[in-house]
C-alpha atoms as a PDB file:
ATOM      1  CA  MET A   1      -7.879 -18.667 -21.422  1.00  0.00           C
ATOM      2  CA  LEU A   2      -4.623 -18.894 -19.497  1.00  0.00           C
ATOM      3  CA  MET A   3      -3.484 -21.201 -16.711  1.00  0.00           C
ATOM      4  CA  HIS A   4      -1.872 -19.909 -13.562  1.00  0.00           C
ATOM      5  CA  PRO A   5       1.756 -21.150 -13.429  1.00  0.00           C
ATOM      6  CA  ASN A   6       1.007 -22.701 -10.013  1.00  0.00           C
ATOM      7  CA  ILE A   7       4.225 -21.459  -8.437  1.00  0.00           C
ATOM      8  CA  ASP A   8       5.098 -22.939  -5.071  1.00  0.00           C
ATOM      9  CA  PRO A   9       4.341 -20.171  -2.526  1.00  0.00           C
ATOM     10  CA  VAL A  10       7.365 -21.346  -0.512  1.00  0.00           C
ATOM     11  CA  ALA A  11      10.469 -19.836  -2.089  1.00  0.00           C
ATOM     12  CA  VAL A  12      13.084 -21.489   0.122  1.00  0.00           C
ATOM     13  CA  LYS A  13      13.047 -24.291   2.685  1.00  0.00           C
ATOM     14  CA  LEU A  14      15.773 -24.433   5.290  1.00  0.00           C
ATOM     15  CA  GLY A  15      14.998 -27.454   7.427  1.00  0.00           C
ATOM     16  CA  PRO A  16      11.825 -26.670   9.387  1.00  0.00           C
ATOM     17  CA  LEU A  17      11.931 -23.035   8.230  1.00  0.00           C
ATOM     18  CA  SER A  18       9.910 -22.081   5.159  1.00  0.00           C
ATOM     19  CA  VAL A  19      10.449 -18.717   3.481  1.00  0.00           C
ATOM     20  CA  HIS A  20       7.399 -17.700   1.480  1.00  0.00           C
ATOM     21  CA  TRP A  21       7.447 -15.536  -1.611  1.00  0.00           C
ATOM     22  CA  TYR A  22       5.031 -13.138   0.063  1.00  0.00           C
ATOM     23  CA  GLY A  23       7.503 -12.485   2.856  1.00  0.00           C
ATOM     24  CA  LEU A  24      10.287 -11.940   0.340  1.00  0.00           C
ATOM     25  CA  MET A  25       8.075  -9.401  -1.441  1.00  0.00           C
ATOM     26  CA  TYR A  26       7.729  -7.457   1.808  1.00  0.00           C
ATOM     27  CA  LEU A  27      11.500  -7.576   2.243  1.00  0.00           C
ATOM     28  CA  GLY A  28      12.029  -6.408  -1.322  1.00  0.00           C
ATOM     29  CA  GLY A  29       9.623  -3.536  -0.771  1.00  0.00           C
ATOM     30  CA  PHE A  30      11.508  -2.338   2.306  1.00  0.00           C
ATOM     31  CA  ILE A  31      14.866  -2.613   0.510  1.00  0.00           C
ATOM     32  CA  ALA A  32      13.512  -0.617  -2.440  1.00  0.00           C
ATOM     33  CA  ALA A  33      12.111   2.014  -0.070  1.00  0.00           C
ATOM     34  CA  TRP A  34      15.515   2.284   1.637  1.00  0.00           C
ATOM     35  CA  ALA A  35      17.331   2.694  -1.691  1.00  0.00           C
ATOM     36  CA  ILE A  36      14.942   5.329  -3.028  1.00  0.00           C
ATOM     37  CA  ALA A  37      14.984   7.219   0.259  1.00  0.00           C
ATOM     38  CA  ARG A  38      18.782   7.266   0.299  1.00  0.00           C
ATOM     39  CA  MET A  39      18.771   8.660  -3.221  1.00  0.00           C
ATOM     40  CA  ARG A  40      16.142  11.284  -2.401  1.00  0.00           C
ATOM     41  CA  THR A  41      18.100  12.576   0.591  1.00  0.00           C
ATOM     42  CA  ARG A  42      20.507  14.099  -1.942  1.00  0.00           C
ATOM     43  CA  GLN A  43      17.833  16.612  -2.876  1.00  0.00           C
ATOM     44  CA  PRO A  44      18.550  19.958  -1.191  1.00  0.00           C
ATOM     45  CA  TRP A  45      14.975  20.131   0.125  1.00  0.00           C
ATOM     46  CA  SER A  46      15.011  16.655   1.712  1.00  0.00           C
ATOM     47  CA  PRO A  47      13.604  16.864   5.281  1.00  0.00           C
ATOM     48  CA  ILE A  48      16.013  14.187   6.573  1.00  0.00           C
ATOM     49  CA  LYS A  49      19.601  13.059   6.117  1.00  0.00           C
ATOM     50  CA  ALA A  50      20.912   9.770   4.769  1.00  0.00           C
ATOM     51  CA  ASP A  51      21.919   8.486   8.213  1.00  0.00           C
ATOM     52  CA  GLN A  52      18.276   8.790   9.371  1.00  0.00           C
ATOM     53  CA  ILE A  53      16.840   6.538   6.662  1.00  0.00           C
ATOM     54  CA  GLU A  54      17.263   3.256   8.537  1.00  0.00           C
ATOM     55  CA  ASP A  55      15.194   4.538  11.451  1.00  0.00           C
ATOM     56  CA  LEU A  56      12.560   5.912   9.077  1.00  0.00           C
ATOM     57  CA  ILE A  57      12.233   2.529   7.338  1.00  0.00           C
ATOM     58  CA  PHE A  58      12.021   0.771  10.707  1.00  0.00           C
ATOM     59  CA  TYR A  59       9.188   3.039  11.853  1.00  0.00           C
ATOM     60  CA  GLY A  60       7.447   2.561   8.521  1.00  0.00           C
ATOM     61  CA  ALA A  61       7.804  -1.237   8.677  1.00  0.00           C
ATOM     62  CA  VAL A  62       6.278  -1.330  12.164  1.00  0.00           C
ATOM     63  CA  GLY A  63       3.437   0.864  10.925  1.00  0.00           C
ATOM     64  CA  VAL A  64       2.810  -1.402   7.940  1.00  0.00           C
ATOM     65  CA  VAL A  65       2.697  -4.605   9.984  1.00  0.00           C
ATOM     66  CA  LEU A  66       0.703  -3.343  12.971  1.00  0.00           C
ATOM     67  CA  GLY A  67      -1.602  -1.141  10.927  1.00  0.00           C
ATOM     68  CA  GLY A  68      -2.105  -3.771   8.234  1.00  0.00           C
ATOM     69  CA  ARG A  69      -3.082  -6.407  10.782  1.00  0.00           C
ATOM     70  CA  LEU A  70      -5.334  -4.119  12.809  1.00  0.00           C
ATOM     71  CA  GLY A  71      -6.923  -2.844   9.608  1.00  0.00           C
ATOM     72  CA  TYR A  72      -7.745  -6.342   8.423  1.00  0.00           C
ATOM     73  CA  VAL A  73      -9.250  -7.257  11.786  1.00  0.00           C
ATOM     74  CA  LEU A  74     -11.313  -4.076  12.117  1.00  0.00           C
ATOM     75  CA  PHE A  75     -12.289  -3.501   8.485  1.00  0.00           C
ATOM     76  CA  TYR A  76     -12.710  -7.022   7.159  1.00  0.00           C
ATOM     77  CA  ASN A  77     -13.255  -9.515   9.981  1.00  0.00           C
ATOM     78  CA  PHE A  78     -14.313  -7.758  13.166  1.00  0.00           C
ATOM     79  CA  PRO A  79     -16.896 -10.448  14.122  1.00  0.00           C
ATOM     80  CA  GLN A  80     -14.147 -13.083  14.230  1.00  0.00           C
ATOM     81  CA  PHE A  81     -12.098 -10.811  16.496  1.00  0.00           C
ATOM     82  CA  LEU A  82     -15.066 -10.433  18.862  1.00  0.00           C
ATOM     83  CA  ALA A  83     -15.495 -14.193  18.951  1.00  0.00           C
ATOM     84  CA  ASP A  84     -11.776 -14.861  19.365  1.00  0.00           C
ATOM     85  CA  PRO A  85      -9.741 -11.767  20.466  1.00  0.00           C
ATOM     86  CA  LEU A  86      -6.457 -13.707  20.449  1.00  0.00           C
ATOM     87  CA  TRP A  87      -6.888 -14.185  16.684  1.00  0.00           C
ATOM     88  CA  LEU A  88      -5.546 -10.625  16.361  1.00  0.00           C
ATOM     89  CA  PHE A  89      -2.083 -11.900  17.319  1.00  0.00           C
ATOM     90  CA  ARG A  90      -2.094 -15.046  15.150  1.00  0.00           C
ATOM     91  CA  VAL A  91      -0.595 -13.239  12.184  1.00  0.00           C
ATOM     92  CA  TRP A  92       0.700 -16.511  10.713  1.00  0.00           C
ATOM     93  CA  GLU A  93      -2.901 -17.357   9.831  1.00  0.00           C
ATOM     94  CA  GLY A  94      -2.889 -14.484   7.317  1.00  0.00           C
ATOM     95  CA  GLY A  95      -4.840 -11.281   7.062  1.00  0.00           C
ATOM     96  CA  MET A  96      -3.390  -7.861   6.204  1.00  0.00           C
ATOM     97  CA  ALA A  97      -5.174  -4.816   4.802  1.00  0.00           C
ATOM     98  CA  PHE A  98      -3.611  -2.003   2.815  1.00  0.00           C
ATOM     99  CA  HIS A  99      -5.863   0.708   4.223  1.00  0.00           C
ATOM    100  CA  GLY A 100      -4.899  -0.270   7.761  1.00  0.00           C
ATOM    101  CA  GLY A 101      -1.237  -0.377   6.789  1.00  0.00           C
ATOM    102  CA  LEU A 102      -1.567   3.112   5.312  1.00  0.00           C
ATOM    103  CA  LEU A 103      -2.977   4.476   8.562  1.00  0.00           C
ATOM    104  CA  GLY A 104      -0.233   2.689  10.483  1.00  0.00           C
ATOM    105  CA  VAL A 105       2.482   4.274   8.341  1.00  0.00           C
ATOM    106  CA  ILE A 106       0.907   7.734   8.643  1.00  0.00           C
ATOM    107  CA  VAL A 107       0.987   7.474  12.439  1.00  0.00           C
ATOM    108  CA  ALA A 108       4.446   5.883  12.594  1.00  0.00           C
ATOM    109  CA  VAL A 109       6.031   8.481  10.312  1.00  0.00           C
ATOM    110  CA  ALA A 110       4.374  11.288  12.278  1.00  0.00           C
ATOM    111  CA  LEU A 111       5.894   9.911  15.478  1.00  0.00           C
ATOM    112  CA  TYR A 112       9.322   9.689  13.877  1.00  0.00           C
ATOM    113  CA  ALA A 113       9.040  13.227  12.491  1.00  0.00           C
ATOM    114  CA  ARG A 114       8.316  14.579  15.947  1.00  0.00           C
ATOM    115  CA  ARG A 115      11.154  12.556  17.429  1.00  0.00           C
ATOM    116  CA  ILE A 116      13.713  14.157  15.088  1.00  0.00           C
ATOM    117  CA  SER A 117      11.972  17.573  15.048  1.00  0.00           C
ATOM    118  CA  VAL A 118      11.149  17.863  11.349  1.00  0.00           C
ATOM    119  CA  SER A 119       7.923  18.787   9.629  1.00  0.00           C
ATOM    120  CA  VAL A 120       5.395  15.953   9.812  1.00  0.00           C
ATOM    121  CA  TYR A 121       3.907  17.123   6.513  1.00  0.00           C
ATOM    122  CA  ALA A 122       7.295  17.257   4.788  1.00  0.00           C
ATOM    123  CA  LEU A 123       8.116  13.722   5.923  1.00  0.00           C
ATOM    124  CA  TRP A 124       4.750  12.437   4.700  1.00  0.00           C
ATOM    125  CA  ASP A 125       5.529  13.987   1.327  1.00  0.00           C
ATOM    126  CA  PHE A 126       9.018  12.495   1.398  1.00  0.00           C
ATOM    127  CA  ILE A 127       7.793   8.897   1.805  1.00  0.00           C
ATOM    128  CA  VAL A 128       5.288   9.077  -1.076  1.00  0.00           C
ATOM    129  CA  PRO A 129       7.610   7.564  -3.743  1.00  0.00           C
ATOM    130  CA  LEU A 130       8.854   4.914  -1.301  1.00  0.00           C
ATOM    131  CA  ALA A 131       5.594   2.971  -1.104  1.00  0.00           C
ATOM    132  CA  PRO A 132       4.483   1.926  -4.643  1.00  0.00           C
ATOM    133  CA  ILE A 133       7.243  -0.607  -5.317  1.00  0.00           C
ATOM    134  CA  GLY A 134       6.368  -2.432  -2.111  1.00  0.00           C
ATOM    135  CA  LEU A 135       2.680  -2.309  -3.028  1.00  0.00           C
ATOM    136  CA  GLY A 136       3.391  -3.755  -6.450  1.00  0.00           C
ATOM    137  CA  LEU A 137       5.598  -6.524  -5.067  1.00  0.00           C
ATOM    138  CA  GLY A 138       2.891  -7.357  -2.538  1.00  0.00           C
ATOM    139  CA  ARG A 139       0.419  -7.888  -5.375  1.00  0.00           C
ATOM    140  CA  LEU A 140       2.891 -10.228  -7.060  1.00  0.00           C
ATOM    141  CA  GLY A 141       2.979 -12.124  -3.778  1.00  0.00           C
ATOM    142  CA  ASN A 142      -0.817 -12.350  -3.893  1.00  0.00           C
ATOM    143  CA  PHE A 143      -0.588 -13.683  -7.452  1.00  0.00           C
ATOM    144  CA  ILE A 144       1.967 -16.341  -6.554  1.00  0.00           C
ATOM    145  CA  GLY A 145      -0.074 -17.359  -3.512  1.00  0.00           C
ATOM    146  CA  GLN A 146      -3.262 -17.523  -5.620  1.00  0.00           C
ATOM    147  CA  GLU A 147      -5.214 -15.189  -3.369  1.00  0.00           C
ATOM    148  CA  LEU A 148      -7.368 -12.131  -4.003  1.00  0.00           C
ATOM    149  CA  TRP A 149      -8.105 -13.264  -7.563  1.00  0.00           C
ATOM    150  CA  GLY A 150     -10.572 -11.566  -9.868  1.00  0.00           C
ATOM    151  CA  ARG A 151     -14.154 -12.186 -10.884  1.00  0.00           C
ATOM    152  CA  PRO A 152     -15.085 -14.749 -13.555  1.00  0.00           C
ATOM    153  CA  SER A 153     -14.422 -13.441 -17.052  1.00  0.00           C
ATOM    154  CA  ASP A 154     -14.176 -14.495 -20.689  1.00  0.00           C
ATOM    155  CA  VAL A 155     -11.495 -11.989 -21.714  1.00  0.00           C
ATOM    156  CA  PRO A 156      -8.633 -13.632 -23.666  1.00  0.00           C
ATOM    157  CA  TRP A 157      -6.243 -13.236 -20.732  1.00  0.00           C
ATOM    158  CA  ALA A 158      -8.651 -14.674 -18.139  1.00  0.00           C
ATOM    159  CA  MET A 159      -6.837 -17.163 -15.951  1.00  0.00           C
ATOM    160  CA  VAL A 160      -7.716 -20.404 -14.190  1.00  0.00           C
ATOM    161  CA  PHE A 161      -6.241 -20.629 -10.681  1.00  0.00           C
ATOM    162  CA  PRO A 162      -5.562 -24.234  -9.594  1.00  0.00           C
ATOM    163  CA  HIS A 163      -6.497 -23.428  -5.975  1.00  0.00           C
ATOM    164  CA  ASP A 164      -9.893 -22.074  -7.045  1.00  0.00           C
ATOM    165  CA  PRO A 165     -12.453 -24.852  -6.465  1.00  0.00           C
ATOM    166  CA  SER A 166     -14.841 -23.328  -9.017  1.00  0.00           C
ATOM    167  CA  GLY A 167     -12.427 -23.949 -11.884  1.00  0.00           C
ATOM    168  CA  LEU A 168     -13.629 -20.745 -13.563  1.00  0.00           C
ATOM    169  CA  ALA A 169     -11.435 -18.472 -15.642  1.00  0.00           C
ATOM    170  CA  ARG A 170     -10.991 -15.176 -13.804  1.00  0.00           C
ATOM    171  CA  HIS A 171      -9.459 -11.750 -14.162  1.00  0.00           C
ATOM    172  CA  PRO A 172      -5.859 -11.872 -12.869  1.00  0.00           C
ATOM    173  CA  SER A 173      -6.707  -8.826 -10.780  1.00  0.00           C
ATOM    174  CA  GLN A 174      -3.519  -9.166  -8.729  1.00  0.00           C
ATOM    175  CA  LEU A 175      -1.554  -8.346 -11.901  1.00  0.00           C
ATOM    176  CA  TYR A 176      -3.815  -5.385 -12.628  1.00  0.00           C
ATOM    177  CA  GLN A 177      -3.050  -4.073  -9.159  1.00  0.00           C
ATOM    178  CA  PHE A 178       0.658  -4.759  -9.617  1.00  0.00           C
ATOM    179  CA  ALA A 179       0.585  -2.645 -12.773  1.00  0.00           C
ATOM    180  CA  LEU A 180      -1.536   0.206 -11.384  1.00  0.00           C
ATOM    181  CA  GLU A 181      -0.558   0.369  -7.694  1.00  0.00           C
ATOM    182  CA  GLY A 182       3.051  -0.574  -8.365  1.00  0.00           C
ATOM    183  CA  VAL A 183       4.329   0.490 -11.770  1.00  0.00           C
ATOM    184  CA  VAL A 184       1.976   3.328 -12.751  1.00  0.00           C
ATOM    185  CA  LEU A 185       1.667   4.835  -9.279  1.00  0.00           C
ATOM    186  CA  PHE A 186       5.423   4.775  -8.802  1.00  0.00           C
ATOM    187  CA  ALA A 187       5.990   6.468 -12.167  1.00  0.00           C
ATOM    188  CA  ILE A 188       3.476   9.209 -11.321  1.00  0.00           C
ATOM    189  CA  VAL A 189       4.667  10.059  -7.814  1.00  0.00           C
ATOM    190  CA  PHE A 190       8.372   9.627  -8.573  1.00  0.00           C
ATOM    191  CA  TRP A 191       8.091  12.057 -11.491  1.00  0.00           C
ATOM    192  CA  TYR A 192       5.938  14.475  -9.509  1.00  0.00           C
ATOM    193  CA  THR A 193       8.288  14.609  -6.529  1.00  0.00           C
ATOM    194  CA  ARG A 194      11.445  15.166  -8.575  1.00  0.00           C
ATOM    195  CA  LYS A 195      11.243  18.858  -7.624  1.00  0.00           C
ATOM    196  CA  PRO A 196       9.674  20.830  -4.749  1.00  0.00           C
ATOM    197  CA  ARG A 197       5.889  20.859  -4.648  1.00  0.00           C
ATOM    198  CA  PRO A 198       3.389  22.661  -2.396  1.00  0.00           C
ATOM    199  CA  ARG A 199       3.210  21.142   1.061  1.00  0.00           C
ATOM    200  CA  LEU A 200       1.027  17.993   1.218  1.00  0.00           C
ATOM    201  CA  ALA A 201       0.466  17.997  -2.562  1.00  0.00           C
ATOM    202  CA  PRO A 202       2.594  14.812  -3.005  1.00  0.00           C
ATOM    203  CA  ALA A 203       0.695  13.076  -0.198  1.00  0.00           C
ATOM    204  CA  GLY A 204      -2.588  14.194  -1.733  1.00  0.00           C
ATOM    205  CA  LEU A 205      -1.574  12.912  -5.162  1.00  0.00           C
ATOM    206  CA  PHE A 206      -0.675   9.514  -3.720  1.00  0.00           C
ATOM    207  CA  LEU A 207      -4.008   9.188  -1.917  1.00  0.00           C
ATOM    208  CA  LEU A 208      -5.961  10.342  -4.960  1.00  0.00           C
ATOM    209  CA  CYS A 209      -4.219   8.037  -7.431  1.00  0.00           C
ATOM    210  CA  TYR A 210      -4.185   4.956  -5.231  1.00  0.00           C
ATOM    211  CA  GLY A 211      -7.822   5.476  -4.268  1.00  0.00           C
ATOM    212  CA  CYS A 212      -8.870   5.760  -7.921  1.00  0.00           C
ATOM    213  CA  PHE A 213      -6.823   2.748  -9.025  1.00  0.00           C
ATOM    214  CA  ARG A 214      -8.123   0.558  -6.209  1.00  0.00           C
ATOM    215  CA  PHE A 215     -11.718   1.706  -6.721  1.00  0.00           C
ATOM    216  CA  LEU A 216     -11.531   0.745 -10.411  1.00  0.00           C
ATOM    217  CA  VAL A 217      -9.835  -2.635  -9.874  1.00  0.00           C
ATOM    218  CA  GLU A 218     -12.501  -3.592  -7.344  1.00  0.00           C
ATOM    219  CA  PHE A 219     -14.952  -3.858 -10.267  1.00  0.00           C
ATOM    220  CA  VAL A 220     -13.063  -6.939 -11.506  1.00  0.00           C
ATOM    221  CA  ARG A 221     -11.757  -8.260  -8.179  1.00  0.00           C
ATOM    222  CA  GLU A 222     -13.732 -10.964  -6.403  1.00  0.00           C
ATOM    223  CA  PRO A 223     -15.257  -9.549  -3.192  1.00  0.00           C
ATOM    224  CA  ASP A 224     -14.295 -11.172   0.083  1.00  0.00           C
ATOM    225  CA  GLN A 225     -16.477 -14.259   0.377  1.00  0.00           C
ATOM    226  CA  HIS A 226     -17.549 -13.558   3.959  1.00  0.00           C
ATOM    227  CA  ILE A 227     -18.471  -9.956   3.122  1.00  0.00           C
ATOM    228  CA  GLY A 228     -19.760  -9.838  -0.445  1.00  0.00           C
ATOM    229  CA  TYR A 229     -21.124  -6.461  -1.526  1.00  0.00           C
ATOM    230  CA  ASP A 230     -21.763  -3.753   1.048  1.00  0.00           C
ATOM    231  CA  ALA A 231     -24.139  -1.492  -0.872  1.00  0.00           C
ATOM    232  CA  LEU A 232     -26.228  -1.194  -4.032  1.00  0.00           C
ATOM    233  CA  GLY A 233     -25.397  -4.741  -5.044  1.00  0.00           C
ATOM    234  CA  TRP A 234     -21.994  -3.758  -6.398  1.00  0.00           C
ATOM    235  CA  VAL A 235     -20.070  -1.616  -3.875  1.00  0.00           C
ATOM    236  CA  THR A 236     -17.293  -3.602  -2.195  1.00  0.00           C
ATOM    237  CA  ARG A 237     -15.557  -3.011   1.114  1.00  0.00           C
ATOM    238  CA  GLY A 238     -12.405  -2.035  -0.742  1.00  0.00           C
ATOM    239  CA  GLN A 239     -14.316   0.648  -2.652  1.00  0.00           C
ATOM    240  CA  GLU A 240     -15.837   2.002   0.536  1.00  0.00           C
ATOM    241  CA  LEU A 241     -12.384   2.306   2.088  1.00  0.00           C
ATOM    242  CA  SER A 242     -10.878   3.839  -1.067  1.00  0.00           C
ATOM    243  CA  LEU A 243     -13.514   6.527  -1.545  1.00  0.00           C
ATOM    244  CA  PRO A 244     -12.320   8.591   1.465  1.00  0.00           C
ATOM    245  CA  MET A 245      -8.786   8.393   0.056  1.00  0.00           C
ATOM    246  CA  ILE A 246      -9.979   9.914  -3.207  1.00  0.00           C
ATOM    247  CA  VAL A 247     -11.827  12.716  -1.431  1.00  0.00           C
ATOM    248  CA  VAL A 248      -9.036  13.492   1.047  1.00  0.00           C
ATOM    249  CA  GLY A 249      -6.396  13.325  -1.690  1.00  0.00           C
ATOM    250  CA  ALA A 250      -8.281  15.738  -3.924  1.00  0.00           C
ATOM    251  CA  VAL A 251      -8.926  18.147  -1.039  1.00  0.00           C
ATOM    252  CA  LEU A 252      -5.262  18.083   0.011  1.00  0.00           C
ATOM    253  CA  MET A 253      -4.115  18.919  -3.502  1.00  0.00           C
ATOM    254  CA  VAL A 254      -6.589  21.780  -3.862  1.00  0.00           C
ATOM    255  CA  LEU A 255      -5.619  23.233  -0.497  1.00  0.00           C
ATOM    256  CA  ALA A 256      -1.907  22.697  -1.177  1.00  0.00           C
ATOM    257  CA  TYR A 257      -1.978  24.709  -4.381  1.00  0.00           C
ATOM    258  CA  ARG A 258      -4.300  27.302  -2.913  1.00  0.00           C
ATOM    259  CA  HIS A 259      -1.747  27.949  -0.185  1.00  0.00           C
ATOM    260  CA  ALA A 260       1.290  27.406  -2.391  1.00  0.00           C
ATOM    261  CA  GLY A 261       2.469  30.902  -1.525  1.00  0.00           C
ATOM    262  CA  ASN A 262       3.443  29.545   1.903  1.00  0.00           C
ATOM    263  CA  GLY A 263       6.352  27.715   0.295  1.00  0.00           C
ATOM    264  CA  PRO A 264       7.080  24.201  -1.009  1.00  0.00           C
ATOM    265  CA  SER A 265       6.405  21.190   1.153  1.00  0.00           C
ATOM    266  CA  THR A 266      10.069  20.542   1.706  1.00  0.00           C
ATOM    267  CA  SER A 267      11.474  24.011   2.204  1.00  0.00           C
ATOM    268  CA  SER A 268      12.797  24.672   5.705  1.00  0.00           C
ATOM    269  CA  ALA A 269      11.552  21.184   6.559  1.00  0.00           C
ATOM    270  CA  ARG A 270      14.303  20.420   9.065  1.00  0.00           C
ATOM    271  CA  ALA A 271      13.401  23.424  11.174  1.00  0.00           C
ATOM    272  CA  ASP A 272       9.614  23.235  10.947  1.00  0.00           C
ATOM    273  CA  ARG A 273       7.860  20.553  12.962  1.00  0.00           C
ATOM    274  CA  GLY A 274       4.536  21.166  11.169  1.00  0.00           C
END
């Protein structure tokens, strides 16, 4: 059994201002996305140029924040929103959801693609390797903040979280997600997108892999206390939201390779609005 290091969630205090580790993880994710995007614009099939990256990251950041908040409200705590609609805007009280953030980014990137007249599909494929590092850092933020911990376990690496009133040893599921959604997912999509692929195949691979990883981790992650299990006594809300990702991702990859004769996802991307 291990003990959580009980790290102070506040990284820096500047007078009345407190900078939390979780916020720094978001910042680190955006910086990493900017750096990878700048590097990937050197590829001859890149749909955008280096001087467009800052705007792309800005659109993506807005999509993450707005989509993540709306997703949490709609997917995980809609009754509280109905009882108190202004709670939607009290973001400092916490509450973000990956699946909502994903939808927000999809919409935001589509809007930016149309603004600069490039293929929406090519730009979706382009951003695939930009996301995993931010996802992994976010899970480290969850670990430091002692939130979203795992179910009770007796595995040798089970961990006791000081903020957990039960005092039980649990799976450090945040670290599992850091490894799968951050490290492994990044390695897969970065390697896969190192050369041109059929249009929407990179996006499909991302959805498929993330959906599978999240679905599996949910078996050892503690369900949200106010929700519990949604079906069959074991299906969680996170699994319900991840299953469509798996299906859509698999379908996109099948269709992408079936129509691969139409050209790679990034070819002629600057001229094709998609």
